[in-house]
Structure formats: C-alpha cells, structure tokens
C-alpha atoms as a PDB file:
ATOM      1  CA  MET A   1      -7.133   1.391 -22.685  1.00  0.00           C
ATOM      2  CA  ALA A   2      -6.140   0.402 -19.159  1.00  0.00           C
ATOM      3  CA  ARG A   3      -7.764   2.449 -16.408  1.00  0.00           C
ATOM      4  CA  ILE A   4      -7.317   2.976 -12.688  1.00  0.00           C
ATOM      5  CA  THR A   5     -10.770   2.371 -11.275  1.00  0.00           C
ATOM      6  CA  ALA A   6     -10.140   2.573  -7.529  1.00  0.00           C
ATOM      7  CA  GLY A   7      -7.632   3.176  -4.785  1.00  0.00           C
ATOM      8  CA  VAL A   8      -7.310   1.176  -1.585  1.00  0.00           C
ATOM      9  CA  ALA A   9      -5.288   2.187   1.468  1.00  0.00           C
ATOM     10  CA  SER A  10      -4.547  -0.011   4.433  1.00  0.00           C
ATOM     11  CA  SER A  11      -2.207  -0.716   7.288  1.00  0.00           C
ATOM     12  CA  HIS A  12      -0.026  -3.767   6.662  1.00  0.00           C
ATOM     13  CA  ILE A  13       0.499  -4.877  10.250  1.00  0.00           C
ATOM     14  CA  PRO A  14       2.255  -8.286  10.292  1.00  0.00           C
ATOM     15  CA  ALA A  15       0.223  -9.480  13.291  1.00  0.00           C
ATOM     16  CA  LEU A  16      -2.972  -9.153  11.219  1.00  0.00           C
ATOM     17  CA  GLY A  17      -1.477 -11.595   8.748  1.00  0.00           C
ATOM     18  CA  ALA A  18      -0.510 -13.940  11.564  1.00  0.00           C
ATOM     19  CA  ALA A  19      -4.053 -13.799  12.984  1.00  0.00           C
ATOM     20  CA  ILE A  20      -5.425 -14.813   9.578  1.00  0.00           C
ATOM     21  CA  ASP A  21      -2.828 -17.540   9.039  1.00  0.00           C
ATOM     22  CA  LEU A  22      -3.324 -19.041  12.503  1.00  0.00           C
ATOM     23  CA  GLY A  23      -7.129 -19.000  12.428  1.00  0.00           C
ATOM     24  CA  LYS A  24      -7.500 -16.348  15.126  1.00  0.00           C
ATOM     25  CA  THR A  25      -9.800 -14.007  13.223  1.00  0.00           C
ATOM     26  CA  GLU A  26     -12.766 -14.635  15.556  1.00  0.00           C
ATOM     27  CA  GLU A  27     -10.807 -13.979  18.744  1.00  0.00           C
ATOM     28  CA  PRO A  28     -12.088 -10.903  20.635  1.00  0.00           C
ATOM     29  CA  TYR A  29      -8.825  -8.979  20.202  1.00  0.00           C
ATOM     30  CA  TRP A  30      -8.580  -9.437  16.429  1.00  0.00           C
ATOM     31  CA  LYS A  31     -12.217  -9.587  15.328  1.00  0.00           C
ATOM     32  CA  PRO A  32     -12.988  -5.824  15.433  1.00  0.00           C
ATOM     33  CA  ALA A  33      -9.726  -4.963  13.694  1.00  0.00           C
ATOM     34  CA  LEU A  34     -10.407  -7.409  10.866  1.00  0.00           C
ATOM     35  CA  ALA A  35     -14.175  -6.812  10.594  1.00  0.00           C
ATOM     36  CA  GLY A  36     -13.530  -3.531   8.786  1.00  0.00           C
ATOM     37  CA  TYR A  37     -12.269  -5.499   5.776  1.00  0.00           C
ATOM     38  CA  ASP A  38     -15.399  -7.621   5.315  1.00  0.00           C
ATOM     39  CA  TRP A  39     -16.999  -4.944   3.134  1.00  0.00           C
ATOM     40  CA  THR A  40     -13.898  -4.643   0.994  1.00  0.00           C
ATOM     41  CA  ARG A  41     -13.543  -8.376   0.354  1.00  0.00           C
ATOM     42  CA  ALA A  42     -17.141  -8.506  -0.896  1.00  0.00           C
ATOM     43  CA  TRP A  43     -16.547  -5.396  -2.997  1.00  0.00           C
ATOM     44  CA  GLU A  44     -13.361  -6.840  -4.514  1.00  0.00           C
ATOM     45  CA  ARG A  45     -15.237  -9.978  -5.554  1.00  0.00           C
ATOM     46  CA  GLU A  46     -17.598  -7.721  -7.501  1.00  0.00           C
ATOM     47  CA  GLN A  47     -14.905  -5.447  -8.936  1.00  0.00           C
ATOM     48  CA  LYS A  48     -12.636  -8.249 -10.200  1.00  0.00           C
ATOM     49  CA  PRO A  49      -9.517  -6.129 -10.790  1.00  0.00           C
ATOM     50  CA  ASP A  50      -7.120  -7.469 -13.407  1.00  0.00           C
ATOM     51  CA  VAL A  51      -4.059  -5.832 -11.864  1.00  0.00           C
ATOM     52  CA  VAL A  52      -3.206  -4.305  -8.492  1.00  0.00           C
ATOM     53  CA  ILE A  53      -0.318  -1.844  -8.300  1.00  0.00           C
ATOM     54  CA  LEU A  54       0.624  -2.403  -4.670  1.00  0.00           C
ATOM     55  CA  VAL A  55       2.670   0.302  -2.968  1.00  0.00           C
ATOM     56  CA  TYR A  56       4.459  -0.950   0.138  1.00  0.00           C
ATOM     57  CA  ASN A  57       7.780  -0.831   1.935  1.00  0.00           C
ATOM     58  CA  ASP A  58      10.212  -3.683   2.253  1.00  0.00           C
ATOM     59  CA  HIS A  59      11.313  -4.576   5.787  1.00  0.00           C
ATOM     60  CA  ALA A  60      14.900  -5.697   5.044  1.00  0.00           C
ATOM     61  CA  SER A  61      13.682  -8.771   3.157  1.00  0.00           C
ATOM     62  CA  ALA A  62      14.518  -7.838  -0.448  1.00  0.00           C
ATOM     63  CA  PHE A  63      16.747  -4.847   0.312  1.00  0.00           C
ATOM     64  CA  ASP A  64      19.264  -4.073   3.025  1.00  0.00           C
ATOM     65  CA  MET A  65      21.888  -1.407   3.663  1.00  0.00           C
ATOM     66  CA  LYS A  66      23.778  -2.535   0.548  1.00  0.00           C
ATOM     67  CA  ILE A  67      21.133  -1.027  -1.706  1.00  0.00           C
ATOM     68  CA  ILE A  68      18.316   1.360  -0.784  1.00  0.00           C
ATOM     69  CA  PRO A  69      16.142   2.284  -3.777  1.00  0.00           C
ATOM     70  CA  THR A  70      13.743   5.152  -3.195  1.00  0.00           C
ATOM     71  CA  PHE A  71      11.209   3.733  -5.662  1.00  0.00           C
ATOM     72  CA  ALA A  72      11.542   0.140  -6.945  1.00  0.00           C
ATOM     73  CA  ILE A  73       9.052  -1.484  -9.315  1.00  0.00           C
ATOM     74  CA  GLY A  74       8.763  -5.259  -9.622  1.00  0.00           C
ATOM     75  CA  CYS A  75       8.719  -6.274 -13.282  1.00  0.00           C
ATOM     76  CA  GLY A  76       9.061 -10.031 -12.837  1.00  0.00           C
ATOM     77  CA  GLU A  77       6.663 -12.862 -13.613  1.00  0.00           C
ATOM     78  CA  GLU A  78       6.371 -14.051 -10.010  1.00  0.00           C
ATOM     79  CA  PHE A  79       7.331 -13.011  -6.486  1.00  0.00           C
ATOM     80  CA  LYS A  80       7.560 -15.478  -3.593  1.00  0.00           C
ATOM     81  CA  PRO A  81       6.661 -14.648   0.027  1.00  0.00           C
ATOM     82  CA  ALA A  82       9.756 -13.798   2.052  1.00  0.00           C
ATOM     83  CA  ASP A  83      10.989 -15.642   5.121  1.00  0.00           C
ATOM     84  CA  GLU A  84      11.053 -12.880   7.737  1.00  0.00           C
ATOM     85  CA  GLY A  85      12.536 -15.082  10.439  1.00  0.00           C
ATOM     86  CA  TRP A  86       9.672 -17.505  11.135  1.00  0.00           C
ATOM     87  CA  GLY A  87       9.212 -19.000   7.669  1.00  0.00           C
ATOM     88  CA  PRO A  88       7.349 -17.604   4.646  1.00  0.00           C
ATOM     89  CA  ARG A  89       3.652 -16.863   5.159  1.00  0.00           C
ATOM     90  CA  PRO A  90       1.422 -19.711   3.918  1.00  0.00           C
ATOM     91  CA  VAL A  91      -0.006 -17.623   1.091  1.00  0.00           C
ATOM     92  CA  PRO A  92       0.126 -17.993  -2.704  1.00  0.00           C
ATOM     93  CA  ASN A  93       3.037 -16.711  -4.726  1.00  0.00           C
ATOM     94  CA  VAL A  94       2.351 -13.301  -6.223  1.00  0.00           C
ATOM     95  CA  LYS A  95       1.899 -13.324  -9.992  1.00  0.00           C
ATOM     96  CA  GLY A  96       3.217 -10.185 -11.641  1.00  0.00           C
ATOM     97  CA  HIS A  97       2.210  -8.381 -14.821  1.00  0.00           C
ATOM     98  CA  PRO A  98       5.559  -7.786 -16.545  1.00  0.00           C
ATOM     99  CA  ASP A  99       4.153  -6.052 -19.628  1.00  0.00           C
ATOM    100  CA  LEU A 100       2.301  -3.369 -17.680  1.00  0.00           C
ATOM    101  CA  ALA A 101       5.090  -3.094 -15.101  1.00  0.00           C
ATOM    102  CA  TRP A 102       7.734  -2.460 -17.751  1.00  0.00           C
ATOM    103  CA  HIS A 103       5.416   0.031 -19.455  1.00  0.00           C
ATOM    104  CA  ILE A 104       4.971   1.906 -16.156  1.00  0.00           C
ATOM    105  CA  ALA A 105       8.730   1.836 -15.538  1.00  0.00           C
ATOM    106  CA  GLN A 106       9.491   3.204 -18.986  1.00  0.00           C
ATOM    107  CA  SER A 107       6.772   5.833 -18.820  1.00  0.00           C
ATOM    108  CA  CYS A 108       7.773   7.043 -15.342  1.00  0.00           C
ATOM    109  CA  ILE A 109      11.492   7.160 -16.164  1.00  0.00           C
ATOM    110  CA  LEU A 110      10.799   9.175 -19.318  1.00  0.00           C
ATOM    111  CA  ASP A 111       8.522  11.305 -17.111  1.00  0.00           C
ATOM    112  CA  GLU A 112      11.684  12.060 -15.067  1.00  0.00           C
ATOM    113  CA  PHE A 113      11.155   9.646 -12.165  1.00  0.00           C
ATOM    114  CA  ASP A 114      14.221   7.533 -11.423  1.00  0.00           C
ATOM    115  CA  MET A 115      12.660   4.113 -10.910  1.00  0.00           C
ATOM    116  CA  THR A 116      14.695   1.070  -9.900  1.00  0.00           C
ATOM    117  CA  ILE A 117      13.629  -1.931 -11.980  1.00  0.00           C
ATOM    118  CA  ILE A 118      13.538  -5.196 -10.032  1.00  0.00           C
ATOM    119  CA  ASN A 119      13.091  -8.482 -11.904  1.00  0.00           C
ATOM    120  CA  GLU A 120      13.641 -10.834  -8.993  1.00  0.00           C
ATOM    121  CA  MET A 121      12.807 -10.344  -5.313  1.00  0.00           C
ATOM    122  CA  GLU A 122      10.832 -11.808  -2.458  1.00  0.00           C
ATOM    123  CA  VAL A 123       7.932  -9.849  -0.967  1.00  0.00           C
ATOM    124  CA  ASP A 124       7.297  -9.547   2.750  1.00  0.00           C
ATOM    125  CA  HIS A 125       4.313  -8.744   4.972  1.00  0.00           C
ATOM    126  CA  GLY A 126       4.172  -5.193   3.654  1.00  0.00           C
ATOM    127  CA  LEU A 127       2.729  -6.633   0.448  1.00  0.00           C
ATOM    128  CA  THR A 128       1.204  -9.974   1.423  1.00  0.00           C
ATOM    129  CA  VAL A 129      -0.828  -8.812   4.446  1.00  0.00           C
ATOM    130  CA  PRO A 130      -2.877  -6.309   2.386  1.00  0.00           C
ATOM    131  CA  LEU A 131      -3.564  -9.066  -0.156  1.00  0.00           C
ATOM    132  CA  SER A 132      -4.906 -11.279   2.635  1.00  0.00           C
ATOM    133  CA  LEU A 133      -7.000  -8.462   4.080  1.00  0.00           C
ATOM    134  CA  MET A 134      -8.600  -7.624   0.732  1.00  0.00           C
ATOM    135  CA  PHE A 135      -8.786 -11.080  -0.892  1.00  0.00           C
ATOM    136  CA  GLY A 136      -8.990 -13.532   2.019  1.00  0.00           C
ATOM    137  CA  GLN A 137      -7.323 -16.934   1.741  1.00  0.00           C
ATOM    138  CA  PRO A 138      -7.689 -18.083  -1.893  1.00  0.00           C
ATOM    139  CA  GLU A 139      -5.604 -20.818  -3.508  1.00  0.00           C
ATOM    140  CA  GLU A 140      -4.188 -18.132  -5.778  1.00  0.00           C
ATOM    141  CA  TRP A 141      -4.516 -14.361  -5.738  1.00  0.00           C
ATOM    142  CA  PRO A 142      -7.373 -13.244  -8.019  1.00  0.00           C
ATOM    143  CA  ALA A 143      -5.382 -10.411  -9.610  1.00  0.00           C
ATOM    144  CA  ALA A 144      -1.914  -9.873 -10.990  1.00  0.00           C
ATOM    145  CA  VAL A 145       0.191  -7.665  -8.713  1.00  0.00           C
ATOM    146  CA  ILE A 146       2.843  -5.102  -9.563  1.00  0.00           C
ATOM    147  CA  PRO A 147       4.941  -4.470  -6.432  1.00  0.00           C
ATOM    148  CA  LEU A 148       6.089  -0.881  -5.939  1.00  0.00           C
ATOM    149  CA  ALA A 149       8.501  -0.681  -3.011  1.00  0.00           C
ATOM    150  CA  VAL A 150       9.190   2.703  -1.403  1.00  0.00           C
ATOM    151  CA  ASN A 151      11.997   3.473   1.024  1.00  0.00           C
ATOM    152  CA  VAL A 152      10.465   4.726   4.267  1.00  0.00           C
ATOM    153  CA  VAL A 153      12.896   2.834   6.482  1.00  0.00           C
ATOM    154  CA  THR A 154      16.203   4.649   6.013  1.00  0.00           C
ATOM    155  CA  TYR A 155      16.492   8.438   5.948  1.00  0.00           C
ATOM    156  CA  PRO A 156      15.784  10.229   3.653  1.00  0.00           C
ATOM    157  CA  PRO A 157      12.399   8.923   2.530  1.00  0.00           C
ATOM    158  CA  PRO A 158      10.683  10.653  -0.396  1.00  0.00           C
ATOM    159  CA  SER A 159       8.510  13.654   0.358  1.00  0.00           C
ATOM    160  CA  GLY A 160       4.754  13.440   0.323  1.00  0.00           C
ATOM    161  CA  ASN A 161       4.708  15.784  -2.648  1.00  0.00           C
ATOM    162  CA  ARG A 162       7.056  13.525  -4.612  1.00  0.00           C
ATOM    163  CA  CYS A 163       4.927  10.499  -3.779  1.00  0.00           C
ATOM    164  CA  TRP A 164       1.747  12.263  -4.900  1.00  0.00           C
ATOM    165  CA  ALA A 165       3.452  13.314  -8.142  1.00  0.00           C
ATOM    166  CA  LEU A 166       4.611   9.727  -8.728  1.00  0.00           C
ATOM    167  CA  GLY A 167       0.988   8.636  -8.398  1.00  0.00           C
ATOM    168  CA  GLU A 168       0.064  11.164 -11.081  1.00  0.00           C
ATOM    169  CA  ALA A 169       2.838   9.787 -13.315  1.00  0.00           C
ATOM    170  CA  ILE A 170       1.633   6.208 -12.750  1.00  0.00           C
ATOM    171  CA  ALA A 171      -1.882   7.257 -13.752  1.00  0.00           C
ATOM    172  CA  ARG A 172      -0.531   8.718 -17.002  1.00  0.00           C
ATOM    173  CA  ALA A 173       1.396   5.505 -17.631  1.00  0.00           C
ATOM    174  CA  VAL A 174      -1.618   3.267 -17.060  1.00  0.00           C
ATOM    175  CA  ALA A 175      -3.833   5.450 -19.256  1.00  0.00           C
ATOM    176  CA  SER A 176      -1.346   5.097 -22.123  1.00  0.00           C
ATOM    177  CA  TYR A 177      -1.276   1.285 -21.966  1.00  0.00           C
ATOM    178  CA  GLY A 178      -3.218  -0.220 -24.840  1.00  0.00           C
ATOM    179  CA  GLU A 179      -4.731  -3.321 -23.247  1.00  0.00           C
ATOM    180  CA  ASP A 180      -8.181  -3.075 -21.643  1.00  0.00           C
ATOM    181  CA  LEU A 181      -7.392  -3.644 -17.959  1.00  0.00           C
ATOM    182  CA  ASN A 182      -9.198  -2.882 -14.722  1.00  0.00           C
ATOM    183  CA  VAL A 183      -6.363  -1.578 -12.526  1.00  0.00           C
ATOM    184  CA  GLN A 184      -6.467  -0.719  -8.841  1.00  0.00           C
ATOM    185  CA  ILE A 185      -3.706   1.033  -6.920  1.00  0.00           C
ATOM    186  CA  TRP A 186      -3.171   0.326  -3.224  1.00  0.00           C
ATOM    187  CA  GLY A 187      -1.189   2.375  -0.724  1.00  0.00           C
ATOM    188  CA  THR A 188      -0.138   0.521   2.408  1.00  0.00           C
ATOM    189  CA  GLY A 189       1.562   1.067   5.769  1.00  0.00           C
ATOM    190  CA  GLY A 190       0.750   3.181   8.805  1.00  0.00           C
ATOM    191  CA  MET A 191      -1.199   4.513  10.483  1.00  0.00           C
ATOM    192  CA  SER A 192       0.346   6.189  13.517  1.00  0.00           C
ATOM    193  CA  HIS A 193       2.721   3.968  15.430  1.00  0.00           C
ATOM    194  CA  GLN A 194       6.153   3.865  16.989  1.00  0.00           C
ATOM    195  CA  LEU A 195       7.787   0.555  17.793  1.00  0.00           C
ATOM    196  CA  GLN A 196      10.812   1.632  19.811  1.00  0.00           C
ATOM    197  CA  GLY A 197      12.274   4.295  22.076  1.00  0.00           C
ATOM    198  CA  THR A 198      10.628   6.384  24.764  1.00  0.00           C
ATOM    199  CA  ARG A 199       7.529   6.966  22.614  1.00  0.00           C
ATOM    200  CA  ALA A 200       6.947   3.276  21.817  1.00  0.00           C
ATOM    201  CA  GLY A 201       3.221   2.625  21.570  1.00  0.00           C
ATOM    202  CA  LEU A 202       2.351   6.162  20.395  1.00  0.00           C
ATOM    203  CA  ILE A 203      -0.982   6.365  18.555  1.00  0.00           C
ATOM    204  CA  ASN A 204      -2.594   9.632  17.459  1.00  0.00           C
ATOM    205  CA  ARG A 205      -6.266   8.996  16.672  1.00  0.00           C
ATOM    206  CA  ASP A 206      -7.100  12.622  15.867  1.00  0.00           C
ATOM    207  CA  TRP A 207      -4.245  13.056  13.389  1.00  0.00           C
ATOM    208  CA  ASP A 208      -4.967   9.709  11.732  1.00  0.00           C
ATOM    209  CA  ASN A 209      -8.613  10.555  11.180  1.00  0.00           C
ATOM    210  CA  ARG A 210      -7.824  14.017   9.832  1.00  0.00           C
ATOM    211  CA  PHE A 211      -5.504  12.292   7.357  1.00  0.00           C
ATOM    212  CA  LEU A 212      -8.306   9.936   6.313  1.00  0.00           C
ATOM    213  CA  ASP A 213     -10.674  12.903   5.938  1.00  0.00           C
ATOM    214  CA  ARG A 214      -8.311  14.631   3.518  1.00  0.00           C
ATOM    215  CA  LEU A 215      -7.916  11.632   1.233  1.00  0.00           C
ATOM    216  CA  GLU A 216     -11.476  12.275   0.068  1.00  0.00           C
ATOM    217  CA  GLY A 217     -12.520  15.231  -2.076  1.00  0.00           C
ATOM    218  CA  ASP A 218     -10.317  17.584  -4.060  1.00  0.00           C
ATOM    219  CA  THR A 219      -7.900  18.904  -1.439  1.00  0.00           C
ATOM    220  CA  GLN A 220      -4.180  18.406  -1.993  1.00  0.00           C
ATOM    221  CA  ASP A 221      -3.161  19.431   1.530  1.00  0.00           C
ATOM    222  CA  LEU A 222      -1.664  16.026   2.299  1.00  0.00           C
ATOM    223  CA  ARG A 223       1.067  16.314  -0.309  1.00  0.00           C
ATOM    224  CA  HIS A 224       2.607  19.235   1.608  1.00  0.00           C
ATOM    225  CA  ILE A 225       2.929  17.640   5.080  1.00  0.00           C
ATOM    226  CA  PRO A 226       6.648  17.750   6.001  1.00  0.00           C
ATOM    227  CA  HIS A 227       8.543  14.725   7.283  1.00  0.00           C
ATOM    228  CA  ILE A 228       8.898  16.271  10.727  1.00  0.00           C
ATOM    229  CA  GLU A 229       5.121  16.427  11.193  1.00  0.00           C
ATOM    230  CA  TYR A 230       4.737  12.717  10.464  1.00  0.00           C
ATOM    231  CA  LEU A 231       7.498  11.936  12.965  1.00  0.00           C
ATOM    232  CA  ARG A 232       6.243  14.304  15.652  1.00  0.00           C
ATOM    233  CA  GLU A 233       2.541  13.487  15.402  1.00  0.00           C
ATOM    234  CA  THR A 234       2.447   9.843  14.280  1.00  0.00           C
ATOM    235  CA  GLY A 235       5.670   8.260  15.522  1.00  0.00           C
ATOM    236  CA  SER A 236       8.734   7.046  13.693  1.00  0.00           C
ATOM    237  CA  GLU A 237       6.786   4.486  11.639  1.00  0.00           C
ATOM    238  CA  GLY A 238       3.975   6.886  10.754  1.00  0.00           C
ATOM    239  CA  ILE A 239       6.109   8.094   7.830  1.00  0.00           C
ATOM    240  CA  GLU A 240       4.786   5.018   5.993  1.00  0.00           C
ATOM    241  CA  MET A 241       1.677   7.048   5.213  1.00  0.00           C
ATOM    242  CA  VAL A 242       3.503   8.910   2.436  1.00  0.00           C
ATOM    243  CA  MET A 243       2.930   5.701   0.449  1.00  0.00           C
ATOM    244  CA  TRP A 244      -0.819   6.295   0.632  1.00  0.00           C
ATOM    245  CA  LEU A 245      -0.192   9.526  -1.287  1.00  0.00           C
ATOM    246  CA  ILE A 246       1.050   7.599  -4.325  1.00  0.00           C
ATOM    247  CA  MET A 247      -2.342   5.927  -4.385  1.00  0.00           C
ATOM    248  CA  ARG A 248      -4.176   9.212  -3.880  1.00  0.00           C
ATOM    249  CA  GLY A 249      -2.176  11.042  -6.551  1.00  0.00           C
ATOM    250  CA  ALA A 250      -3.045   8.338  -9.075  1.00  0.00           C
ATOM    251  CA  LEU A 251      -6.798   8.885  -8.607  1.00  0.00           C
ATOM    252  CA  GLY A 252      -6.931  12.356 -10.094  1.00  0.00           C
ATOM    253  CA  LYS A 253      -8.332  15.628  -8.847  1.00  0.00           C
ATOM    254  CA  THR A 254     -11.341  14.424  -6.859  1.00  0.00           C
ATOM    255  CA  THR A 255     -12.196  11.243  -4.988  1.00  0.00           C
ATOM    256  CA  ARG A 256     -15.185   9.732  -3.224  1.00  0.00           C
ATOM    257  CA  ALA A 257     -14.830   7.398  -0.235  1.00  0.00           C
ATOM    258  CA  LEU A 258     -16.735   4.137  -0.596  1.00  0.00           C
ATOM    259  CA  HIS A 259     -15.651   2.570   2.675  1.00  0.00           C
ATOM    260  CA  ARG A 260     -13.633   3.572   5.752  1.00  0.00           C
ATOM    261  CA  HIS A 261     -12.384   1.705   8.801  1.00  0.00           C
ATOM    262  CA  TYR A 262     -10.293   2.765  11.792  1.00  0.00           C
ATOM    263  CA  HIS A 263      -9.495   0.662  14.839  1.00  0.00           C
ATOM    264  CA  VAL A 264      -7.145   0.911  17.821  1.00  0.00           C
ATOM    265  CA  PRO A 265      -5.172  -1.016  18.779  1.00  0.00           C
ATOM    266  CA  ALA A 266      -3.783  -3.939  16.810  1.00  0.00           C
ATOM    267  CA  SER A 267      -0.348  -4.965  17.997  1.00  0.00           C
ATOM    268  CA  ASN A 268       0.342  -1.437  19.342  1.00  0.00           C
ATOM    269  CA  THR A 269      -0.647   0.071  16.007  1.00  0.00           C
ATOM    270  CA  ALA A 270      -3.599   2.004  14.630  1.00  0.00           C
ATOM    271  CA  VAL A 271      -5.413   0.145  11.856  1.00  0.00           C
ATOM    272  CA  GLY A 272      -6.541   2.421   9.044  1.00  0.00           C
ATOM    273  CA  HIS A 273      -8.327   1.462   5.826  1.00  0.00           C
ATOM    274  CA  VAL A 274     -10.168   3.364   3.121  1.00  0.00           C
ATOM    275  CA  VAL A 275     -11.520   2.578  -0.348  1.00  0.00           C
ATOM    276  CA  LEU A 276     -11.661   5.464  -2.809  1.00  0.00           C
ATOM    277  CA  GLU A 277     -12.908   5.933  -6.337  1.00  0.00           C
ATOM    278  CA  PRO A 278     -11.960   8.723  -8.733  1.00  0.00           C
ATOM    279  CA  VAL A 279     -14.674  11.244  -9.559  1.00  0.00           C
ATOM    280  CA  GLY A 280     -14.681  12.683 -13.078  1.00  0.00           C
ATOM    281  CA  ASP A 281     -11.476  13.437 -14.958  1.00  0.00           C
END
C-alpha cells in the first residue's frame, strides 16, 4: 500500500531559484533565507521519497486566460521547466508518475472533486524552486513528481476548506493504491506578500507565524479562514497559502512539526517553510 509519510510546505519565490542557479547562495542577503533548508535537504536524503505530490500554482506558463482550471493534476511521463521570459531554469526535467497520478485523478473525481487532467505541460518556478530548495542541484530529481496546479491567480480561487478536503481525498486515493510507495505531499507558495499597488511590499510576520503554529497539532481552524482575511492580512499574493492546506488535509487529524523556518525578507517576500509528519491515524 502507498502511504503519505510527510508533508512539506514552502514559499516558492523565483529569486531563491535564481540565487541557487547563479551560485549566490553564500551571499549575505540570500544565505539566511536559504540556510533554513539545510536541515530538510539532509532529511530528504534519509527519507528517500518515491513520489512527491507537489501542490503549486502556475504563473501563466502552462495556463492563461483561455483556460483556468481550479485543480489540475499532471498525469504525464515528464514535464519540462518553463521559459518564464529569461529561459528555462537549468534544472532537470521533472519525471512524473502516471500510474499513481491517474489513480489519484480517478479516485478524486469519483470522490466528487472535478479535477482537470493534464498530460502535457511545462512547469514553472512554482514547482521547480521547491524541488531545488529540498533536493539541491542533482543531475536528476531523486523522486517522481506529480504536479497539482491550483488556481490562486484569477478570482475565484478555491476556499481553504475545499483545499483541505481535497487533501483528505488525495490521502484516501494514495491509501487505496496497491504499490508500496513512500509518498510525500508538498504545499507551496506564500507567505505574506503583495507585489503591486499601494500595499506593495506588505509582510505580516505575526499572521504568518500564527498560520505556521496552526499547521501543527489537531486544530482545523485554518480551513475556515475566508479569502478576505488572506487578502487583508497577507496581501494579494498571500492567498497562495490555501495550497498549504491541501498538504495539511492529506496528513490526517494530527501532525507533528519536525522542522520550521521563517525569514524576512527575500525579494520583498516572507520565506516560510515547515516539515510535518502525521501522528497516528
């Protein structure tokens, strides 16, 4: 039986990827932001996940205003890094896990979630930066990856409650898959930040850390935060944190935090990162 053994949440700030790609990781500005991932890279080498279900949002690379899926699951064999205007990142192609991805798609659709099935797409920094943060710079990624793209760019995004419930449905799907697989689920994006308008540069340390606090334990308070609170307290891009709730919902009733990192600023954004494990059933 496949099993979800851990959840990882992280910001997916493109400038972090650029710092890694350009060899700037030891520069004073970037070093403290990136140091919080040292523990996780060592931990991932020990854990050796077979598959990562990676929840992220596309930034007009695979999708545009012609089609806006709320939840889209990548079921292909391989996904290439997208050219976001300055060439594709110099990172390995992402190898998918079509069998498990199709199983999750079927299970979630029959569980009354309307998933969009994507067999061919390119993946942007929302997906590749977390891979670099957690796995470093290998010749090939050490785990298969199932991309799960969530619309948090164009209104209306899904509610936190719906995201949490999708995580629960994904957990049921994984548990019903017959192959013995070590599966992790990652939620990416955030934390508080706004990139435009009169509130550009907004960062809310207190709110971010309260959010991190409530990912651990058995509280389900986070699933009930309304959209307007994310926008008011964390800026227009803070809504990305609903994607972390898919990860949290997939971990079951209770979680334990193994590692936590928070740093301000990194490219006008708050860096947040946490590693969770499920506790009990």
